[in-house]
Amino acid sequence: MKLLVRHQTVYRYAASAGRVAMRLKLMPVDTPAQKVLEWQVSINDEPLTCFRPNSYGEREAIWIRHDRLDNAVIVAEGLVETRESHGVVGHLRNSVDPRYFLRDTRLTRASDGIAALARDLPPQDGPLATLHALSAAVSDAVQYRAGVTTSETTAAESFALGAGVCQDHAQVFIAAARTIGVPARYVSGYLLAGDGDALHETHGWAEAYVPSLGWIGFDPSNRVCVTERYLRVASGLDADEAAPIRGSVTVAGDIWIDADVRIAQAEDGVEERQLQKQQQQSTPPPGSAG
């Protein structure tokens, strides 16, 4: 399957920013489950060419501006061919031992309840079956409900609430997997929705490590292992580390952020300029909160 993506993020500053620094993880790389055919990232129409490999085998860039800036329009777009691998991403090229992803973070520290969920799983036939059972248990314990959590909500908090979105499902799964000795990490990327639905935002899921197979993607929000409809971009110990854009700005006044993702199957005949037109029509005017 060929996936065509256009991911646009617009930052507007009520007063011109004096300094802007951003870390960008917007450049997908080839894996056994995907091949990048075309991809570029630009800021204010200027191509960004400073992406470098990191220790995870992915690519990231640092962008800094010291002059006055009224807005920043970040666009990541391209074409990626994916294949069905039943969730198996495999042994990716990187310099990080999988055991590194047993580390807790503030967002993924397991509560007593999350640890009990993992420990109390019925006996399974091997580690892969255990992870499938864990993903289903997380889906049952945390109902999908938008608007009840934020990017700062921890796995323990969303588990106690019993509700959340894809970030929460993934981080609860990660926290639970680590308590039973399975390395797990957060993945950010894109999902081509089915049945005519449109998802205009990035998606998040989890990967767990099984030595005989490598990394395997689990999406508790959709109760599946990742499929060819998923496009993997970046990973990290938690959602914050795997975020597509993180940064700081020196500015007096409000900041408005509007992010939008358009994704289509290339064979559908949807061209990049059509995705661009859709985003331009849906982007709020300056001064409206995103």
Protein backbone atom coordinates (compact mmCIF):
# COMPACT_ATOMS: atom_id res chain seq x y z
CA MET A 1 0.00 0.00 0.00
CA LYS A 2 1.26 3.49 -0.82
CA LEU A 3 0.35 6.20 1.67
CA LEU A 4 0.40 9.87 0.75
CA VAL A 5 0.76 12.19 3.75
CA ARG A 6 0.70 15.92 4.34
CA HIS A 7 1.20 16.98 7.96
CA GLN A 8 0.97 20.72 8.57
CA THR A 9 1.57 22.48 11.89
CA VAL A 10 1.10 26.23 12.21
CA TYR A 11 2.45 28.26 15.14
CA ARG A 12 1.23 31.87 15.42
CA TYR A 13 2.60 34.33 17.95
CA ALA A 14 0.55 37.24 19.28
CA ALA A 15 3.80 39.18 19.63
CA SER A 16 6.76 38.40 17.41
CA ALA A 17 8.92 35.68 18.89
CA GLY A 18 12.48 36.69 19.70
CA ARG A 19 13.90 33.16 19.71
CA VAL A 20 12.42 29.84 18.59
CA ALA A 21 14.07 26.43 19.03
CA MET A 22 12.42 23.23 17.85
CA ARG A 23 13.31 19.55 17.84
CA LEU A 24 11.62 17.85 14.91
CA LYS A 25 10.99 14.12 14.53
CA LEU A 26 9.11 14.28 11.25
CA MET A 27 11.29 12.17 8.95
CA PRO A 28 10.26 8.50 8.62
CA VAL A 29 12.92 5.92 7.80
CA ASP A 30 12.87 2.58 6.03
CA THR A 31 11.96 -0.47 8.11
CA PRO A 32 11.06 -4.04 7.14
CA ALA A 33 7.43 -2.84 7.10
CA GLN A 34 7.80 0.42 5.12
CA LYS A 35 9.88 2.08 2.44
CA VAL A 36 10.11 5.86 2.10
CA LEU A 37 9.69 6.79 -1.58
CA GLU A 38 9.53 10.58 -1.25
CA TRP A 39 9.61 12.83 1.81
CA GLN A 40 10.47 16.39 2.69
CA VAL A 41 10.05 18.76 5.61
CA SER A 42 9.87 22.54 5.29
CA ILE A 43 9.45 25.50 7.63
CA ASN A 44 7.94 28.64 6.13
CA ASP A 45 8.47 27.14 2.66
CA GLU A 46 12.21 26.59 3.26
CA PRO A 47 13.27 22.92 2.96
CA LEU A 48 14.81 21.55 6.13
CA THR A 49 17.92 19.55 5.30
CA CYS A 50 19.59 19.17 8.70
CA PHE A 51 18.03 15.84 9.71
CA ARG A 52 20.60 13.51 11.27
CA PRO A 53 20.44 9.91 12.55
CA ASN A 54 19.87 9.47 16.27
CA SER A 55 20.71 6.52 18.51
CA TYR A 56 17.32 4.93 17.81
CA GLY A 57 18.12 4.60 14.12
CA GLU A 58 15.67 7.38 13.28
CA ARG A 59 16.24 10.94 12.05
CA GLU A 60 15.68 14.24 13.80
CA ALA A 61 16.57 17.89 13.35
CA ILE A 62 17.06 20.99 15.49
CA TRP A 63 15.80 24.29 14.05
CA ILE A 64 16.64 27.60 15.75
CA ARG A 65 15.73 31.16 14.84
CA HIS A 66 17.03 34.20 16.73
CA ASP A 67 15.32 36.93 14.69
CA ARG A 68 11.74 38.09 15.15
CA LEU A 69 9.15 35.62 13.92
CA ASP A 70 5.39 36.08 13.56
CA ASN A 71 4.56 32.51 12.63
CA ALA A 72 6.09 29.17 11.74
CA VAL A 73 4.43 26.83 9.25
CA ILE A 74 5.91 23.34 9.40
CA VAL A 75 5.00 20.90 6.64
CA ALA A 76 6.04 17.25 6.42
CA GLU A 77 4.86 15.50 3.29
CA GLY A 78 5.65 12.53 1.14
CA LEU A 79 4.90 9.08 -0.12
CA VAL A 80 5.65 5.86 1.76
CA GLU A 81 5.05 2.29 0.67
CA THR A 82 3.96 0.00 3.50
CA ARG A 83 3.47 -3.74 3.64
CA GLU A 84 1.46 -6.05 5.86
CA SER A 85 3.76 -7.61 8.47
CA HIS A 86 1.16 -8.49 11.13
CA GLY A 87 2.70 -5.97 13.48
CA VAL A 88 6.27 -7.28 13.29
CA VAL A 89 8.69 -4.41 12.75
CA GLY A 90 11.70 -6.63 13.39
CA HIS A 91 15.24 -5.89 14.53
CA LEU A 92 15.84 -2.28 13.51
CA ARG A 93 19.29 -0.80 13.02
CA ASN A 94 20.22 1.30 16.05
CA SER A 95 22.79 1.57 18.80
CA VAL A 96 20.40 1.15 21.73
CA ASP A 97 20.02 -2.16 23.56
CA PRO A 98 16.30 -3.12 23.78
CA ARG A 99 16.67 -3.34 27.58
CA TYR A 100 17.00 0.45 27.61
CA PHE A 101 13.24 0.51 27.04
CA LEU A 102 12.61 -1.06 30.43
CA ARG A 103 13.23 2.39 31.94
CA ASP A 104 10.35 4.24 33.58
CA THR A 105 9.53 7.87 32.90
CA ARG A 106 7.11 10.21 34.60
CA LEU A 107 4.51 9.46 31.93
CA THR A 108 4.98 5.68 31.93
CA ARG A 109 5.59 4.79 35.58
CA ALA A 110 3.31 1.91 36.49
CA SER A 111 0.84 2.29 39.33
CA ASP A 112 -0.07 -0.65 41.56
CA GLY A 113 -3.18 -1.12 39.44
CA ILE A 114 -1.26 -1.26 36.15
CA ALA A 115 1.25 -3.70 37.66
CA ALA A 116 -1.59 -5.92 38.90
CA LEU A 117 -3.21 -5.86 35.46
CA ALA A 118 -0.01 -7.23 33.92
CA ARG A 119 0.74 -9.77 36.65
CA ASP A 120 -2.81 -11.13 36.73
CA LEU A 121 -3.06 -11.99 33.04
CA PRO A 122 -4.13 -15.61 32.47
CA PRO A 123 -1.26 -17.94 31.51
CA GLN A 124 -0.46 -17.70 27.80
CA ASP A 125 1.43 -19.80 25.30
CA GLY A 126 4.57 -17.70 24.98
CA PRO A 127 5.52 -14.00 25.15
CA LEU A 128 3.69 -12.97 21.97
CA ALA A 129 0.40 -14.36 23.22
CA THR A 130 0.99 -12.62 26.54
CA LEU A 131 1.42 -9.26 24.78
CA HIS A 132 -1.76 -9.78 22.77
CA ALA A 133 -3.61 -10.53 26.00
CA LEU A 134 -2.09 -7.45 27.63
CA SER A 135 -3.17 -5.21 24.74
CA ALA A 136 -6.74 -6.52 25.03
CA ALA A 137 -6.70 -6.02 28.81
CA VAL A 138 -5.58 -2.39 28.40
CA SER A 139 -8.35 -1.78 25.85
CA ASP A 140 -10.90 -3.16 28.31
CA ALA A 141 -9.54 -1.18 31.27
CA VAL A 142 -9.21 2.21 29.54
CA GLN A 143 -12.18 3.18 27.41
CA TYR A 144 -11.56 5.46 24.44
CA ARG A 145 -12.91 8.90 25.35
CA ALA A 146 -11.61 12.13 23.86
CA GLY A 147 -11.20 15.29 25.90
CA VAL A 148 -10.68 13.74 29.34
CA THR A 149 -6.86 13.64 29.26
CA THR A 150 -4.06 15.87 28.01
CA SER A 151 -0.51 15.39 26.74
CA GLU A 152 0.64 15.67 30.36
CA THR A 153 -1.61 12.88 31.67
CA THR A 154 0.39 9.95 32.99
CA ALA A 155 -0.33 6.27 32.42
CA ALA A 156 -1.26 5.90 36.08
CA GLU A 157 -3.73 8.80 35.89
CA SER A 158 -5.50 7.60 32.74
CA PHE A 159 -5.65 4.05 34.13
CA ALA A 160 -7.24 5.32 37.35
CA LEU A 161 -9.69 7.38 35.29
CA GLY A 162 -10.49 4.39 33.10
CA ALA A 163 -10.56 6.54 29.98
CA GLY A 164 -8.31 8.26 27.49
CA VAL A 165 -7.10 8.38 23.91
CA CYS A 166 -4.41 6.62 21.87
CA GLN A 167 -1.55 8.20 23.82
CA ASP A 168 -3.02 6.94 27.09
CA HIS A 169 -3.66 3.43 25.80
CA ALA A 170 -0.12 3.17 24.49
CA GLN A 171 1.50 4.46 27.69
CA VAL A 172 -0.57 2.17 29.93
CA PHE A 173 0.46 -0.77 27.72
CA ILE A 174 4.12 0.32 27.90
CA ALA A 175 4.02 0.69 31.69
CA ALA A 176 2.40 -2.72 32.10
CA ALA A 177 4.78 -4.49 29.71
CA ARG A 178 7.82 -3.12 31.53
CA THR A 179 6.54 -4.42 34.88
CA ILE A 180 6.70 -7.98 33.51
CA GLY A 181 10.15 -7.49 32.04
CA VAL A 182 9.24 -6.74 28.42
CA PRO A 183 10.97 -3.74 26.80
CA ALA A 184 8.36 -1.39 25.35
CA ARG A 185 8.34 2.04 23.74
CA TYR A 186 6.02 4.69 22.35
CA VAL A 187 5.70 5.23 18.58
CA SER A 188 4.31 8.28 16.80
CA GLY A 189 3.16 8.23 13.21
CA TYR A 190 0.13 8.21 10.97
CA LEU A 191 -2.87 5.94 10.47
CA LEU A 192 -5.02 5.65 7.37
CA ALA A 193 -8.48 5.23 8.85
CA GLY A 194 -10.94 2.78 7.37
CA ASP A 195 -14.59 2.88 6.40
CA GLY A 196 -14.36 6.41 5.04
CA ASP A 197 -13.37 7.95 8.38
CA ALA A 198 -10.89 10.83 8.35
CA LEU A 199 -8.19 11.20 10.98
CA HIS A 200 -6.66 14.66 10.81
CA GLU A 201 -4.04 14.16 13.50
CA THR A 202 -1.01 12.06 14.26
CA HIS A 203 -1.50 8.68 15.88
CA GLY A 204 0.34 6.92 18.70
CA TRP A 205 0.84 3.27 19.55
CA ALA A 206 3.33 0.99 21.32
CA GLU A 207 6.06 -1.42 20.34
CA ALA A 208 7.16 -4.33 22.52
CA TYR A 209 10.29 -6.41 22.09
CA VAL A 210 10.25 -10.20 21.67
CA PRO A 211 13.80 -11.53 21.12
CA SER A 212 12.80 -14.09 18.50
CA LEU A 213 10.87 -11.56 16.41
CA GLY A 214 12.19 -8.11 17.29
CA TRP A 215 9.89 -5.14 17.81
CA ILE A 216 6.14 -5.66 17.41
CA GLY A 217 3.59 -2.85 17.14
CA PHE A 218 0.44 -2.92 19.28
CA ASP A 219 -2.41 -0.42 19.06
CA PRO A 220 -4.74 -0.99 22.03
CA SER A 221 -6.95 1.90 20.89
CA ASN A 222 -7.97 -0.08 17.83
CA ARG A 223 -7.44 -3.54 19.36
CA VAL A 224 -4.97 -4.59 16.65
CA CYS A 225 -1.33 -5.08 15.90
CA VAL A 226 -0.21 -2.44 13.44
CA THR A 227 -0.99 -3.09 9.78
CA GLU A 228 -0.02 -1.67 6.41
CA ARG A 229 -2.33 1.27 7.19
CA TYR A 230 0.20 2.52 9.79
CA LEU A 231 3.18 4.74 8.92
CA ARG A 232 5.89 4.74 11.58
CA VAL A 233 7.85 7.99 12.15
CA ALA A 234 9.53 8.16 15.58
CA SER A 235 9.85 6.32 18.88
CA GLY A 236 10.81 7.07 22.46
CA LEU A 237 10.48 6.07 26.08
CA ASP A 238 7.13 7.87 26.18
CA ALA A 239 4.88 10.13 24.11
CA ASP A 240 6.86 13.23 24.96
CA GLU A 241 10.15 11.81 23.67
CA ALA A 242 8.50 10.49 20.49
CA ALA A 243 6.56 13.71 19.78
CA PRO A 244 6.87 14.98 16.18
CA ILE A 245 7.61 18.54 17.34
CA ARG A 246 8.91 19.82 20.68
CA GLY A 247 10.38 23.24 21.32
CA SER A 248 10.71 26.45 23.24
CA VAL A 249 10.00 30.06 22.34
CA THR A 250 10.77 33.45 23.82
CA VAL A 251 7.66 35.53 23.25
CA ALA A 252 5.41 37.97 25.09
CA GLY A 253 1.76 37.05 24.56
CA ASP A 254 -0.26 34.08 23.42
CA ILE A 255 0.74 31.30 21.05
CA TRP A 256 -1.78 29.58 18.80
CA ILE A 257 -1.11 26.13 17.40
CA ASP A 258 -3.06 24.45 14.62
CA ALA A 259 -2.04 20.97 13.47
CA ASP A 260 -3.63 18.94 10.72
CA VAL A 261 -2.79 15.65 9.02
CA ARG A 262 -4.14 14.52 5.65
CA ILE A 263 -3.46 10.94 4.61
CA ALA A 264 -4.72 8.99 1.64
CA GLN A 265 -3.96 5.84 -0.28
CA ALA A 266 -2.00 6.89 -3.35
CA GLU A 267 -3.88 4.50 -5.60
CA ASP A 268 -7.04 6.44 -4.81
CA GLY A 269 -5.77 9.17 -7.13
CA VAL A 270 -5.54 11.77 -4.38
CA GLU A 271 -2.71 14.13 -5.25
CA GLU A 272 -0.55 16.19 -2.89
CA ARG A 273 -2.00 19.49 -4.10
CA GLN A 274 -5.49 18.26 -3.19
CA LEU A 275 -4.35 17.50 0.35
CA GLN A 276 -2.72 20.92 0.51
CA LYS A 277 -5.94 22.63 -0.61
CA GLN A 278 -7.92 20.77 2.07
CA GLN A 279 -5.55 21.96 4.77
CA GLN A 280 -5.61 25.56 3.59
CA GLN A 281 -9.40 25.56 3.73
CA SER A 282 -9.47 24.14 7.26
CA THR A 283 -6.71 26.26 8.80
CA PRO A 284 -8.17 28.91 11.15
CA PRO A 285 -7.35 32.57 10.49
CA PRO A 286 -4.71 34.39 12.56
CA GLY A 287 -5.87 35.16 16.06
CA SER A 288 -8.13 32.11 16.45
CA ALA A 289 -7.04 29.52 18.98
CA GLY A 290 -5.95 26.15 17.62
